[in-house]
Amino acid sequence: MKFIQTLKNIWKIKELRDRILYTLGLLMVFRLGSFIVLPGVVPSALEANQAAQGANDLLGLINIFTGGAFNNASIFALGIMPYITASIIVQLMGFAVPYFQRLQQHEGESGRKRNSIR
């Protein structure tokens, strides 16, 4: 009974309630994102591959840490890799595309920041 009273008291404090709801919302977004399959991936081929592979290999270990998102080839299984790839591509485009050259030369760091927003 004391536990229920403690939860009621926590819920009455606006800042704690907002933080709890924010955390639950982020968890919900992550769980939904772990079910969205990447474009171009065939789910039936993934299931056939999972049946052929054992759970004791390295990919099985990675799948355990991602909560099953790796075997589903979900968007959130990618992690930070798309950001790193996009950053490298924009830097390489600075050598070939005049627009990106101007941004990097004349505007420096603020040009790079503005370029990454677009």
PDB file of N, CA and C in Angstrom:
ATOM      1  N   MET A   1       0.817  -1.199   0.000  1.00  0.00           N
ATOM      2  CA  MET A   1       0.000   0.000   0.000  1.00  0.00           C
ATOM      3  C   MET A   1       0.863   1.265   0.000  1.00  0.00           C
ATOM      4  N   LYS A   2       2.009   1.172   0.687  1.00  0.00           N
ATOM      5  CA  LYS A   2       2.902   2.326   0.744  1.00  0.00           C
ATOM      6  C   LYS A   2       3.502   2.616  -0.637  1.00  0.00           C
ATOM      7  N   PHE A   3       3.740   1.546  -1.426  1.00  0.00           N
ATOM      8  CA  PHE A   3       4.276   1.713  -2.775  1.00  0.00           C
ATOM      9  C   PHE A   3       3.296   2.480  -3.657  1.00  0.00           C
ATOM     10  N   ILE A   4       2.029   2.147  -3.561  1.00  0.00           N
ATOM     11  CA  ILE A   4       1.009   2.832  -4.359  1.00  0.00           C
ATOM     12  C   ILE A   4       0.919   4.302  -3.963  1.00  0.00           C
ATOM     13  N   GLN A   5       1.022   4.569  -2.683  1.00  0.00           N
ATOM     14  CA  GLN A   5       0.992   5.955  -2.208  1.00  0.00           C
ATOM     15  C   GLN A   5       2.214   6.725  -2.717  1.00  0.00           C
ATOM     16  N   THR A   6       3.357   6.063  -2.757  1.00  0.00           N
ATOM     17  CA  THR A   6       4.571   6.703  -3.270  1.00  0.00           C
ATOM     18  C   THR A   6       4.404   7.040  -4.749  1.00  0.00           C
ATOM     19  N   LEU A   7       3.828   6.123  -5.521  1.00  0.00           N
ATOM     20  CA  LEU A   7       3.584   6.401  -6.946  1.00  0.00           C
ATOM     21  C   LEU A   7       2.614   7.563  -7.132  1.00  0.00           C
ATOM     22  N   LYS A   8       1.607   7.637  -6.289  1.00  0.00           N
ATOM     23  CA  LYS A   8       0.656   8.756  -6.371  1.00  0.00           C
ATOM     24  C   LYS A   8       1.360  10.079  -6.075  1.00  0.00           C
ATOM     25  N   ASN A   9       2.245  10.071  -5.078  1.00  0.00           N
ATOM     26  CA  ASN A   9       2.983  11.290  -4.741  1.00  0.00           C
ATOM     27  C   ASN A   9       3.927  11.710  -5.869  1.00  0.00           C
ATOM     28  N   ILE A  10       4.559  10.730  -6.501  1.00  0.00           N
ATOM     29  CA  ILE A  10       5.441  11.039  -7.633  1.00  0.00           C
ATOM     30  C   ILE A  10       4.633  11.638  -8.774  1.00  0.00           C
ATOM     31  N   TRP A  11       3.456  11.081  -9.022  1.00  0.00           N
ATOM     32  CA  TRP A  11       2.623  11.551 -10.123  1.00  0.00           C
ATOM     33  C   TRP A  11       2.116  12.972  -9.889  1.00  0.00           C
ATOM     34  N   LYS A  12       2.013  13.401  -8.633  1.00  0.00           N
ATOM     35  CA  LYS A  12       1.526  14.748  -8.333  1.00  0.00           C
ATOM     36  C   LYS A  12       2.562  15.820  -8.661  1.00  0.00           C
ATOM     37  N   ILE A  13       3.848  15.459  -8.667  1.00  0.00           N
ATOM     38  CA  ILE A  13       4.906  16.423  -8.965  1.00  0.00           C
ATOM     39  C   ILE A  13       5.022  16.554 -10.485  1.00  0.00           C
ATOM     40  N   LYS A  14       4.785  17.772 -10.980  1.00  0.00           N
ATOM     41  CA  LYS A  14       4.702  17.995 -12.429  1.00  0.00           C
ATOM     42  C   LYS A  14       5.999  17.657 -13.143  1.00  0.00           C
ATOM     43  N   GLU A  15       7.142  18.061 -12.603  1.00  0.00           N
ATOM     44  CA  GLU A  15       8.417  17.815 -13.275  1.00  0.00           C
ATOM     45  C   GLU A  15       8.708  16.315 -13.388  1.00  0.00           C
ATOM     46  N   LEU A  16       8.464  15.555 -12.341  1.00  0.00           N
ATOM     47  CA  LEU A  16       8.673  14.109 -12.394  1.00  0.00           C
ATOM     48  C   LEU A  16       7.708  13.448 -13.372  1.00  0.00           C
ATOM     49  N   ARG A  17       6.462  13.889 -13.358  1.00  0.00           N
ATOM     50  CA  ARG A  17       5.462  13.335 -14.267  1.00  0.00           C
ATOM     51  C   ARG A  17       5.861  13.587 -15.720  1.00  0.00           C
ATOM     52  N   ASP A  18       6.344  14.806 -16.004  1.00  0.00           N
ATOM     53  CA  ASP A  18       6.768  15.128 -17.367  1.00  0.00           C
ATOM     54  C   ASP A  18       7.959  14.278 -17.794  1.00  0.00           C
ATOM     55  N   ARG A  19       8.907  14.073 -16.894  1.00  0.00           N
ATOM     56  CA  ARG A  19      10.082  13.262 -17.231  1.00  0.00           C
ATOM     57  C   ARG A  19       9.705  11.798 -17.454  1.00  0.00           C
ATOM     58  N   ILE A  20       8.820  11.288 -16.638  1.00  0.00           N
ATOM     59  CA  ILE A  20       8.381   9.897 -16.791  1.00  0.00           C
ATOM     60  C   ILE A  20       7.639   9.725 -18.114  1.00  0.00           C
ATOM     61  N   LEU A  21       6.745  10.643 -18.438  1.00  0.00           N
ATOM     62  CA  LEU A  21       6.007  10.552 -19.705  1.00  0.00           C
ATOM     63  C   LEU A  21       6.933  10.706 -20.907  1.00  0.00           C
ATOM     64  N   TYR A  22       7.934  11.583 -20.804  1.00  0.00           N
ATOM     65  CA  TYR A  22       8.903  11.780 -21.881  1.00  0.00           C
ATOM     66  C   TYR A  22       9.707  10.497 -22.106  1.00  0.00           C
ATOM     67  N   THR A  23      10.148   9.883 -21.018  1.00  0.00           N
ATOM     68  CA  THR A  23      10.911   8.639 -21.122  1.00  0.00           C
ATOM     69  C   THR A  23      10.062   7.522 -21.717  1.00  0.00           C
ATOM     70  N   LEU A  24       8.835   7.403 -21.270  1.00  0.00           N
ATOM     71  CA  LEU A  24       7.943   6.384 -21.827  1.00  0.00           C
ATOM     72  C   LEU A  24       7.665   6.639 -23.314  1.00  0.00           C
ATOM     73  N   GLY A  25       7.550   7.900 -23.688  1.00  0.00           N
ATOM     74  CA  GLY A  25       7.349   8.243 -25.096  1.00  0.00           C
ATOM     75  C   GLY A  25       8.550   7.857 -25.953  1.00  0.00           C
ATOM     76  N   LEU A  26       9.761   8.123 -25.452  1.00  0.00           N
ATOM     77  CA  LEU A  26      10.954   7.738 -26.197  1.00  0.00           C
ATOM     78  C   LEU A  26      11.065   6.221 -26.332  1.00  0.00           C
ATOM     79  N   LEU A  27      10.730   5.506 -25.276  1.00  0.00           N
ATOM     80  CA  LEU A  27      10.743   4.050 -25.347  1.00  0.00           C
ATOM     81  C   LEU A  27       9.742   3.533 -26.373  1.00  0.00           C
ATOM     82  N   MET A  28       8.583   4.169 -26.433  1.00  0.00           N
ATOM     83  CA  MET A  28       7.561   3.759 -27.383  1.00  0.00           C
ATOM     84  C   MET A  28       8.018   4.023 -28.827  1.00  0.00           C
ATOM     85  N   VAL A  29       8.642   5.170 -29.068  1.00  0.00           N
ATOM     86  CA  VAL A  29       9.147   5.490 -30.406  1.00  0.00           C
ATOM     87  C   VAL A  29      10.222   4.484 -30.814  1.00  0.00           C
ATOM     88  N   PHE A  30      11.102   4.134 -29.875  1.00  0.00           N
ATOM     89  CA  PHE A  30      12.156   3.176 -30.189  1.00  0.00           C
ATOM     90  C   PHE A  30      11.574   1.799 -30.502  1.00  0.00           C
ATOM     91  N   ARG A  31      10.607   1.373 -29.732  1.00  0.00           N
ATOM     92  CA  ARG A  31      10.001   0.058 -29.983  1.00  0.00           C
ATOM     93  C   ARG A  31       9.267   0.039 -31.328  1.00  0.00           C
ATOM     94  N   LEU A  32       8.581   1.119 -31.659  1.00  0.00           N
ATOM     95  CA  LEU A  32       7.919   1.179 -32.970  1.00  0.00           C
ATOM     96  C   LEU A  32       8.941   1.184 -34.106  1.00  0.00           C
ATOM     97  N   GLY A  33      10.035   1.920 -33.921  1.00  0.00           N
ATOM     98  CA  GLY A  33      11.079   1.985 -34.938  1.00  0.00           C
ATOM     99  C   GLY A  33      11.816   0.682 -35.121  1.00  0.00           C
ATOM    100  N   SER A  34      11.807  -0.166 -34.107  1.00  0.00           N
ATOM    101  CA  SER A  34      12.498  -1.450 -34.245  1.00  0.00           C
ATOM    102  C   SER A  34      11.688  -2.446 -35.078  1.00  0.00           C
ATOM    103  N   PHE A  35      10.451  -2.103 -35.414  1.00  0.00           N
ATOM    104  CA  PHE A  35       9.640  -2.974 -36.261  1.00  0.00           C
ATOM    105  C   PHE A  35       9.569  -2.491 -37.711  1.00  0.00           C
ATOM    106  N   ILE A  36      10.065  -1.292 -37.999  1.00  0.00           N
ATOM    107  CA  ILE A  36      10.046  -0.758 -39.367  1.00  0.00           C
ATOM    108  C   ILE A  36      11.247  -1.317 -40.120  1.00  0.00           C
ATOM    109  N   VAL A  37      10.979  -2.076 -41.161  1.00  0.00           N
ATOM    110  CA  VAL A  37      12.037  -2.725 -41.936  1.00  0.00           C
ATOM    111  C   VAL A  37      12.639  -1.714 -42.909  1.00  0.00           C
ATOM    112  N   LEU A  38      13.939  -1.817 -43.112  1.00  0.00           N
ATOM    113  CA  LEU A  38      14.632  -0.942 -44.052  1.00  0.00           C
ATOM    114  C   LEU A  38      14.085  -1.118 -45.463  1.00  0.00           C
ATOM    115  N   PRO A  39      14.051  -0.040 -46.244  1.00  0.00           N
ATOM    116  CA  PRO A  39      13.612  -0.165 -47.633  1.00  0.00           C
ATOM    117  C   PRO A  39      14.573  -1.052 -48.424  1.00  0.00           C
ATOM    118  N   GLY A  40      14.018  -1.907 -49.253  1.00  0.00           N
ATOM    119  CA  GLY A  40      14.836  -2.780 -50.079  1.00  0.00           C
ATOM    120  C   GLY A  40      15.181  -4.114 -49.440  1.00  0.00           C
ATOM    121  N   VAL A  41      14.759  -4.334 -48.207  1.00  0.00           N
ATOM    122  CA  VAL A  41      15.042  -5.589 -47.517  1.00  0.00           C
ATOM    123  C   VAL A  41      13.812  -6.482 -47.611  1.00  0.00           C
ATOM    124  N   VAL A  42      14.030  -7.729 -47.959  1.00  0.00           N
ATOM    125  CA  VAL A  42      12.937  -8.695 -48.084  1.00  0.00           C
ATOM    126  C   VAL A  42      12.826  -9.470 -46.767  1.00  0.00           C
ATOM    127  N   PRO A  43      11.736  -9.277 -46.005  1.00  0.00           N
ATOM    128  CA  PRO A  43      11.612  -9.941 -44.702  1.00  0.00           C
ATOM    129  C   PRO A  43      11.621 -11.470 -44.778  1.00  0.00           C
ATOM    130  N   SER A  44      11.076 -12.049 -45.848  1.00  0.00           N
ATOM    131  CA  SER A  44      11.063 -13.514 -45.949  1.00  0.00           C
ATOM    132  C   SER A  44      12.483 -14.065 -46.111  1.00  0.00           C
ATOM    133  N   ALA A  45      13.347 -13.328 -46.800  1.00  0.00           N
ATOM    134  CA  ALA A  45      14.742 -13.760 -46.937  1.00  0.00           C
ATOM    135  C   ALA A  45      15.465 -13.669 -45.597  1.00  0.00           C
ATOM    136  N   LEU A  46      15.122 -12.670 -44.806  1.00  0.00           N
ATOM    137  CA  LEU A  46      15.707 -12.561 -43.466  1.00  0.00           C
ATOM    138  C   LEU A  46      15.305 -13.733 -42.587  1.00  0.00           C
ATOM    139  N   GLU A  47      14.043 -14.117 -42.653  1.00  0.00           N
ATOM    140  CA  GLU A  47      13.570 -15.237 -41.843  1.00  0.00           C
ATOM    141  C   GLU A  47      14.256 -16.535 -42.257  1.00  0.00           C
ATOM    142  N   ALA A  48      14.478 -16.727 -43.552  1.00  0.00           N
ATOM    143  CA  ALA A  48      15.170 -17.929 -44.021  1.00  0.00           C
ATOM    144  C   ALA A  48      16.615 -17.941 -43.539  1.00  0.00           C
ATOM    145  N   ASN A  49      17.240 -16.775 -43.521  1.00  0.00           N
ATOM    146  CA  ASN A  49      18.619 -16.673 -43.050  1.00  0.00           C
ATOM    147  C   ASN A  49      18.701 -16.939 -41.547  1.00  0.00           C
ATOM    148  N   GLN A  50      17.723 -16.447 -40.794  1.00  0.00           N
ATOM    149  CA  GLN A  50      17.710 -16.676 -39.348  1.00  0.00           C
ATOM    150  C   GLN A  50      17.552 -18.154 -39.026  1.00  0.00           C
ATOM    151  N   ALA A  51      16.754 -18.859 -39.819  1.00  0.00           N
ATOM    152  CA  ALA A  51      16.550 -20.283 -39.582  1.00  0.00           C
ATOM    153  C   ALA A  51      17.826 -21.067 -39.866  1.00  0.00           C
ATOM    154  N   ALA A  52      18.622 -20.612 -40.837  1.00  0.00           N
ATOM    155  CA  ALA A  52      19.850 -21.315 -41.189  1.00  0.00           C
ATOM    156  C   ALA A  52      20.977 -21.029 -40.212  1.00  0.00           C
ATOM    157  N   GLN A  53      20.976 -19.851 -39.617  1.00  0.00           N
ATOM    158  CA  GLN A  53      22.041 -19.450 -38.696  1.00  0.00           C
ATOM    159  C   GLN A  53      21.713 -19.883 -37.276  1.00  0.00           C
ATOM    160  N   GLY A  54      22.749 -20.085 -36.496  1.00  0.00           N
ATOM    161  CA  GLY A  54      22.557 -20.374 -35.076  1.00  0.00           C
ATOM    162  C   GLY A  54      22.512 -19.088 -34.278  1.00  0.00           C
ATOM    163  N   ALA A  55      22.022 -19.170 -33.062  1.00  0.00           N
ATOM    164  CA  ALA A  55      21.938 -17.982 -32.203  1.00  0.00           C
ATOM    165  C   ALA A  55      23.244 -17.710 -31.478  1.00  0.00           C
ATOM    166  N   ASN A  56      24.246 -18.580 -31.656  1.00  0.00           N
ATOM    167  CA  ASN A  56      25.487 -18.436 -30.917  1.00  0.00           C
ATOM    168  C   ASN A  56      26.574 -17.720 -31.700  1.00  0.00           C
ATOM    169  N   ASP A  57      26.287 -17.233 -32.887  1.00  0.00           N
ATOM    170  CA  ASP A  57      27.288 -16.525 -33.662  1.00  0.00           C
ATOM    171  C   ASP A  57      27.322 -15.047 -33.276  1.00  0.00           C
ATOM    172  N   LEU A  58      28.216 -14.314 -33.905  1.00  0.00           N
ATOM    173  CA  LEU A  58      28.384 -12.888 -33.576  1.00  0.00           C
ATOM    174  C   LEU A  58      27.136 -12.079 -33.915  1.00  0.00           C
ATOM    175  N   LEU A  59      26.503 -12.380 -35.040  1.00  0.00           N
ATOM    176  CA  LEU A  59      25.289 -11.651 -35.412  1.00  0.00           C
ATOM    177  C   LEU A  59      24.164 -11.909 -34.413  1.00  0.00           C
ATOM    178  N   GLY A  60      24.107 -13.119 -33.871  1.00  0.00           N
ATOM    179  CA  GLY A  60      23.123 -13.422 -32.840  1.00  0.00           C
ATOM    180  C   GLY A  60      23.368 -12.608 -31.580  1.00  0.00           C
ATOM    181  N   LEU A  61      24.647 -12.403 -31.238  1.00  0.00           N
ATOM    182  CA  LEU A  61      24.988 -11.588 -30.071  1.00  0.00           C
ATOM    183  C   LEU A  61      24.591 -10.128 -30.287  1.00  0.00           C
ATOM    184  N   ILE A  62      24.867  -9.622 -31.483  1.00  0.00           N
ATOM    185  CA  ILE A  62      24.473  -8.249 -31.799  1.00  0.00           C
ATOM    186  C   ILE A  62      22.957  -8.114 -31.745  1.00  0.00           C
ATOM    187  N   ASN A  63      22.257  -9.110 -32.224  1.00  0.00           N
ATOM    188  CA  ASN A  63      20.798  -9.089 -32.205  1.00  0.00           C
ATOM    189  C   ASN A  63      20.269  -9.059 -30.773  1.00  0.00           C
ATOM    190  N   ILE A  64      20.925  -9.758 -29.879  1.00  0.00           N
ATOM    191  CA  ILE A  64      20.505  -9.741 -28.473  1.00  0.00           C
ATOM    192  C   ILE A  64      20.627  -8.339 -27.904  1.00  0.00           C
ATOM    193  N   PHE A  65      21.733  -7.659 -28.213  1.00  0.00           N
ATOM    194  CA  PHE A  65      21.948  -6.316 -27.672  1.00  0.00           C
ATOM    195  C   PHE A  65      21.009  -5.273 -28.282  1.00  0.00           C
ATOM    196  N   THR A  66      20.539  -5.506 -29.496  1.00  0.00           N
ATOM    197  CA  THR A  66      19.627  -4.544 -30.130  1.00  0.00           C
ATOM    198  C   THR A  66      18.165  -4.900 -29.906  1.00  0.00           C
ATOM    199  N   GLY A  67      17.895  -5.910 -29.127  1.00  0.00           N
ATOM    200  CA  GLY A  67      16.514  -6.274 -28.825  1.00  0.00           C
ATOM    201  C   GLY A  67      15.770  -6.857 -30.005  1.00  0.00           C
ATOM    202  N   GLY A  68      16.460  -7.548 -30.889  1.00  0.00           N
ATOM    203  CA  GLY A  68      15.823  -8.162 -32.046  1.00  0.00           C
ATOM    204  C   GLY A  68      15.764  -7.254 -33.255  1.00  0.00           C
ATOM    205  N   ALA A  69      16.215  -6.017 -33.131  1.00  0.00           N
ATOM    206  CA  ALA A  69      16.131  -5.069 -34.240  1.00  0.00           C
ATOM    207  C   ALA A  69      17.110  -5.424 -35.354  1.00  0.00           C
ATOM    208  N   PHE A  70      18.211  -6.073 -35.016  1.00  0.00           N
ATOM    209  CA  PHE A  70      19.210  -6.400 -36.032  1.00  0.00           C
ATOM    210  C   PHE A  70      18.694  -7.477 -36.980  1.00  0.00           C
ATOM    211  N   ASN A  71      18.069  -8.505 -36.448  1.00  0.00           N
ATOM    212  CA  ASN A  71      17.529  -9.562 -37.313  1.00  0.00           C
ATOM    213  C   ASN A  71      16.361  -9.079 -38.144  1.00  0.00           C
ATOM    214  N   ASN A  72      15.640  -8.091 -37.678  1.00  0.00           N
ATOM    215  CA  ASN A  72      14.523  -7.548 -38.443  1.00  0.00           C
ATOM    216  C   ASN A  72      14.976  -6.527 -39.481  1.00  0.00           C
ATOM    217  N   ALA A  73      16.267  -6.174 -39.468  1.00  0.00           N
ATOM    218  CA  ALA A  73      16.813  -5.129 -40.344  1.00  0.00           C
ATOM    219  C   ALA A  73      15.999  -3.850 -40.207  1.00  0.00           C
ATOM    220  N   SER A  74      15.785  -3.434 -38.969  1.00  0.00           N
ATOM    221  CA  SER A  74      14.974  -2.246 -38.730  1.00  0.00           C
ATOM    222  C   SER A  74      15.807  -0.976 -38.864  1.00  0.00           C
ATOM    223  N   ILE A  75      15.110   0.138 -38.916  1.00  0.00           N
ATOM    224  CA  ILE A  75      15.758   1.436 -39.068  1.00  0.00           C
ATOM    225  C   ILE A  75      16.693   1.716 -37.894  1.00  0.00           C
ATOM    226  N   PHE A  76      16.281   1.401 -36.688  1.00  0.00           N
ATOM    227  CA  PHE A  76      17.089   1.709 -35.520  1.00  0.00           C
ATOM    228  C   PHE A  76      18.245   0.747 -35.319  1.00  0.00           C
ATOM    229  N   ALA A  77      18.312  -0.329 -36.084  1.00  0.00           N
ATOM    230  CA  ALA A  77      19.464  -1.223 -36.004  1.00  0.00           C
ATOM    231  C   ALA A  77      20.676  -0.599 -36.685  1.00  0.00           C
ATOM    232  N   LEU A  78      20.459   0.434 -37.496  1.00  0.00           N
ATOM    233  CA  LEU A  78      21.557   1.090 -38.188  1.00  0.00           C
ATOM    234  C   LEU A  78      22.440   1.887 -37.238  1.00  0.00           C
ATOM    235  N   GLY A  79      21.870   2.390 -36.168  1.00  0.00           N
ATOM    236  CA  GLY A  79      22.647   3.173 -35.218  1.00  0.00           C
ATOM    237  C   GLY A  79      23.066   4.510 -35.800  1.00  0.00           C
ATOM    238  N   ILE A  80      24.333   4.860 -35.615  1.00  0.00           N
ATOM    239  CA  ILE A  80      24.837   6.160 -36.037  1.00  0.00           C
ATOM    240  C   ILE A  80      25.463   6.109 -37.433  1.00  0.00           C
ATOM    241  N   MET A  81      25.494   4.948 -38.037  1.00  0.00           N
ATOM    242  CA  MET A  81      26.160   4.774 -39.331  1.00  0.00           C
ATOM    243  C   MET A  81      25.630   5.700 -40.431  1.00  0.00           C
ATOM    244  N   PRO A  82      24.327   5.922 -40.604  1.00  0.00           N
ATOM    245  CA  PRO A  82      23.881   6.847 -41.662  1.00  0.00           C
ATOM    246  C   PRO A  82      24.401   8.274 -41.471  1.00  0.00           C
ATOM    247  N   TYR A  83      24.493   8.731 -40.230  1.00  0.00           N
ATOM    248  CA  TYR A  83      25.007  10.081 -39.972  1.00  0.00           C
ATOM    249  C   TYR A  83      26.473  10.178 -40.375  1.00  0.00           C
ATOM    250  N   ILE A  84      27.253   9.175 -40.021  1.00  0.00           N
ATOM    251  CA  ILE A  84      28.678   9.183 -40.356  1.00  0.00           C
ATOM    252  C   ILE A  84      28.857   9.148 -41.875  1.00  0.00           C
ATOM    253  N   THR A  85      28.098   8.320 -42.555  1.00  0.00           N
ATOM    254  CA  THR A  85      28.189   8.216 -44.010  1.00  0.00           C
ATOM    255  C   THR A  85      27.821   9.545 -44.679  1.00  0.00           C
ATOM    256  N   ALA A  86      26.743  10.173 -44.215  1.00  0.00           N
ATOM    257  CA  ALA A  86      26.326  11.456 -44.793  1.00  0.00           C
ATOM    258  C   ALA A  86      27.388  12.525 -44.562  1.00  0.00           C
ATOM    259  N   SER A  87      28.008  12.524 -43.396  1.00  0.00           N
ATOM    260  CA  SER A  87      29.058  13.498 -43.102  1.00  0.00           C
ATOM    261  C   SER A  87      30.253  13.317 -44.036  1.00  0.00           C
ATOM    262  N   ILE A  88      30.654  12.082 -44.273  1.00  0.00           N
ATOM    263  CA  ILE A  88      31.771  11.813 -45.169  1.00  0.00           C
ATOM    264  C   ILE A  88      31.430  12.236 -46.602  1.00  0.00           C
ATOM    265  N   ILE A  89      30.220  11.944 -47.040  1.00  0.00           N
ATOM    266  CA  ILE A  89      29.813  12.311 -48.404  1.00  0.00           C
ATOM    267  C   ILE A  89      29.811  13.820 -48.589  1.00  0.00           C
ATOM    268  N   VAL A  90      29.319  14.571 -47.603  1.00  0.00           N
ATOM    269  CA  VAL A  90      29.295  16.027 -47.709  1.00  0.00           C
ATOM    270  C   VAL A  90      30.715  16.584 -47.743  1.00  0.00           C
ATOM    271  N   GLN A  91      31.622  16.009 -46.962  1.00  0.00           N
ATOM    272  CA  GLN A  91      33.007  16.473 -47.007  1.00  0.00           C
ATOM    273  C   GLN A  91      33.649  16.180 -48.356  1.00  0.00           C
ATOM    274  N   LEU A  92      33.370  15.013 -48.916  1.00  0.00           N
ATOM    275  CA  LEU A  92      33.923  14.689 -50.232  1.00  0.00           C
ATOM    276  C   LEU A  92      33.318  15.560 -51.326  1.00  0.00           C
ATOM    277  N   MET A  93      32.059  15.919 -51.181  1.00  0.00           N
ATOM    278  CA  MET A  93      31.423  16.787 -52.171  1.00  0.00           C
ATOM    279  C   MET A  93      32.030  18.186 -52.134  1.00  0.00           C
ATOM    280  N   GLY A  94      32.644  18.554 -51.030  1.00  0.00           N
ATOM    281  CA  GLY A  94      33.305  19.848 -50.933  1.00  0.00           C
ATOM    282  C   GLY A  94      34.449  19.993 -51.918  1.00  0.00           C
ATOM    283  N   PHE A  95      35.016  18.891 -52.363  1.00  0.00           N
ATOM    284  CA  PHE A  95      36.096  18.939 -53.346  1.00  0.00           C
ATOM    285  C   PHE A  95      35.576  19.029 -54.771  1.00  0.00           C
ATOM    286  N   ALA A  96      34.371  18.555 -55.021  1.00  0.00           N
ATOM    287  CA  ALA A  96      33.893  18.447 -56.395  1.00  0.00           C
ATOM    288  C   ALA A  96      32.781  19.427 -56.753  1.00  0.00           C
ATOM    289  N   VAL A  97      31.929  19.792 -55.816  1.00  0.00           N
ATOM    290  CA  VAL A  97      30.765  20.619 -56.115  1.00  0.00           C
ATOM    291  C   VAL A  97      31.057  22.058 -55.664  1.00  0.00           C
ATOM    292  N   PRO A  98      30.949  23.025 -56.566  1.00  0.00           N
ATOM    293  CA  PRO A  98      31.283  24.417 -56.221  1.00  0.00           C
ATOM    294  C   PRO A  98      30.458  24.980 -55.055  1.00  0.00           C
ATOM    295  N   TYR A  99      29.193  24.613 -54.971  1.00  0.00           N
ATOM    296  CA  TYR A  99      28.358  25.128 -53.883  1.00  0.00           C
ATOM    297  C   TYR A  99      28.925  24.718 -52.526  1.00  0.00           C
ATOM    298  N   PHE A 100      29.296  23.464 -52.403  1.00  0.00           N
ATOM    299  CA  PHE A 100      29.846  22.980 -51.140  1.00  0.00           C
ATOM    300  C   PHE A 100      31.234  23.566 -50.885  1.00  0.00           C
ATOM    301  N   GLN A 101      31.998  23.829 -51.952  1.00  0.00           N
ATOM    302  CA  GLN A 101      33.306  24.467 -51.789  1.00  0.00           C
ATOM    303  C   GLN A 101      33.151  25.859 -51.202  1.00  0.00           C
ATOM    304  N   ARG A 102      32.185  26.628 -51.723  1.00  0.00           N
ATOM    305  CA  ARG A 102      31.954  27.979 -51.188  1.00  0.00           C
ATOM    306  C   ARG A 102      31.545  27.929 -49.728  1.00  0.00           C
ATOM    307  N   LEU A 103      30.685  27.003 -49.408  1.00  0.00           N
ATOM    308  CA  LEU A 103      30.254  26.909 -48.023  1.00  0.00           C
ATOM    309  C   LEU A 103      31.411  26.581 -47.090  1.00  0.00           C
ATOM    310  N   GLN A 104      32.280  25.678 -47.506  1.00  0.00           N
ATOM    311  CA  GLN A 104      33.387  25.289 -46.647  1.00  0.00           C
ATOM    312  C   GLN A 104      34.455  26.373 -46.560  1.00  0.00           C
ATOM    313  N   GLN A 105      34.730  27.079 -47.662  1.00  0.00           N
ATOM    314  CA  GLN A 105      35.803  28.069 -47.676  1.00  0.00           C
ATOM    315  C   GLN A 105      35.381  29.395 -47.065  1.00  0.00           C
ATOM    316  N   HIS A 106      34.249  29.923 -47.494  1.00  0.00           N
ATOM    317  CA  HIS A 106      33.878  31.279 -47.100  1.00  0.00           C
ATOM    318  C   HIS A 106      33.158  31.338 -45.769  1.00  0.00           C
ATOM    319  N   GLU A 107      32.404  30.332 -45.493  1.00  0.00           N
ATOM    320  CA  GLU A 107      31.602  30.422 -44.284  1.00  0.00           C
ATOM    321  C   GLU A 107      32.123  29.541 -43.164  1.00  0.00           C
ATOM    322  N   GLY A 108      33.096  28.720 -43.420  1.00  0.00           N
ATOM    323  CA  GLY A 108      33.744  27.932 -42.382  1.00  0.00           C
ATOM    324  C   GLY A 108      32.787  27.020 -41.644  1.00  0.00           C
ATOM    325  N   GLU A 109      32.915  27.034 -40.317  1.00  0.00           N
ATOM    326  CA  GLU A 109      32.110  26.130 -39.484  1.00  0.00           C
ATOM    327  C   GLU A 109      30.620  26.452 -39.556  1.00  0.00           C
ATOM    328  N   SER A 110      30.262  27.740 -39.641  1.00  0.00           N
ATOM    329  CA  SER A 110      28.838  28.072 -39.736  1.00  0.00           C
ATOM    330  C   SER A 110      28.248  27.573 -41.051  1.00  0.00           C
ATOM    331  N   GLY A 111      29.048  27.564 -42.129  1.00  0.00           N
ATOM    332  CA  GLY A 111      28.580  27.028 -43.403  1.00  0.00           C
ATOM    333  C   GLY A 111      28.385  25.532 -43.334  1.00  0.00           C
ATOM    334  N   ARG A 112      29.269  24.853 -42.630  1.00  0.00           N
ATOM    335  CA  ARG A 112      29.117  23.412 -42.473  1.00  0.00           C
ATOM    336  C   ARG A 112      27.876  23.087 -41.652  1.00  0.00           C
ATOM    337  N   LYS A 113      27.638  23.883 -40.613  1.00  0.00           N
ATOM    338  CA  LYS A 113      26.446  23.636 -39.792  1.00  0.00           C
ATOM    339  C   LYS A 113      25.181  23.877 -40.602  1.00  0.00           C
ATOM    340  N   ARG A 114      25.148  24.980 -41.370  1.00  0.00           N
ATOM    341  CA  ARG A 114      23.978  25.286 -42.169  1.00  0.00           C
ATOM    342  C   ARG A 114      23.771  24.238 -43.249  1.00  0.00           C
ATOM    343  N   ASN A 115      24.858  23.714 -43.800  1.00  0.00           N
ATOM    344  CA  ASN A 115      24.780  22.693 -44.826  1.00  0.00           C
ATOM    345  C   ASN A 115      24.225  21.389 -44.258  1.00  0.00           C
ATOM    346  N   SER A 116      24.578  21.047 -43.023  1.00  0.00           N
ATOM    347  CA  SER A 116      24.115  19.790 -42.443  1.00  0.00           C
ATOM    348  C   SER A 116      22.636  19.861 -42.071  1.00  0.00           C
ATOM    349  N   ILE A 117      22.089  21.049 -41.907  1.00  0.00           N
ATOM    350  CA  ILE A 117      20.670  21.191 -41.578  1.00  0.00           C
ATOM    351  C   ILE A 117      19.814  20.863 -42.778  1.00  0.00           C
ATOM    352  N   ARG A 118      20.251  21.222 -43.976  1.00  0.00           N
ATOM    353  CA  ARG A 118      19.461  21.016 -45.186  1.00  0.00           C
ATOM    354  C   ARG A 118      19.345  19.594 -45.561  1.00  0.00           C
TER     355      ARG A 118
END
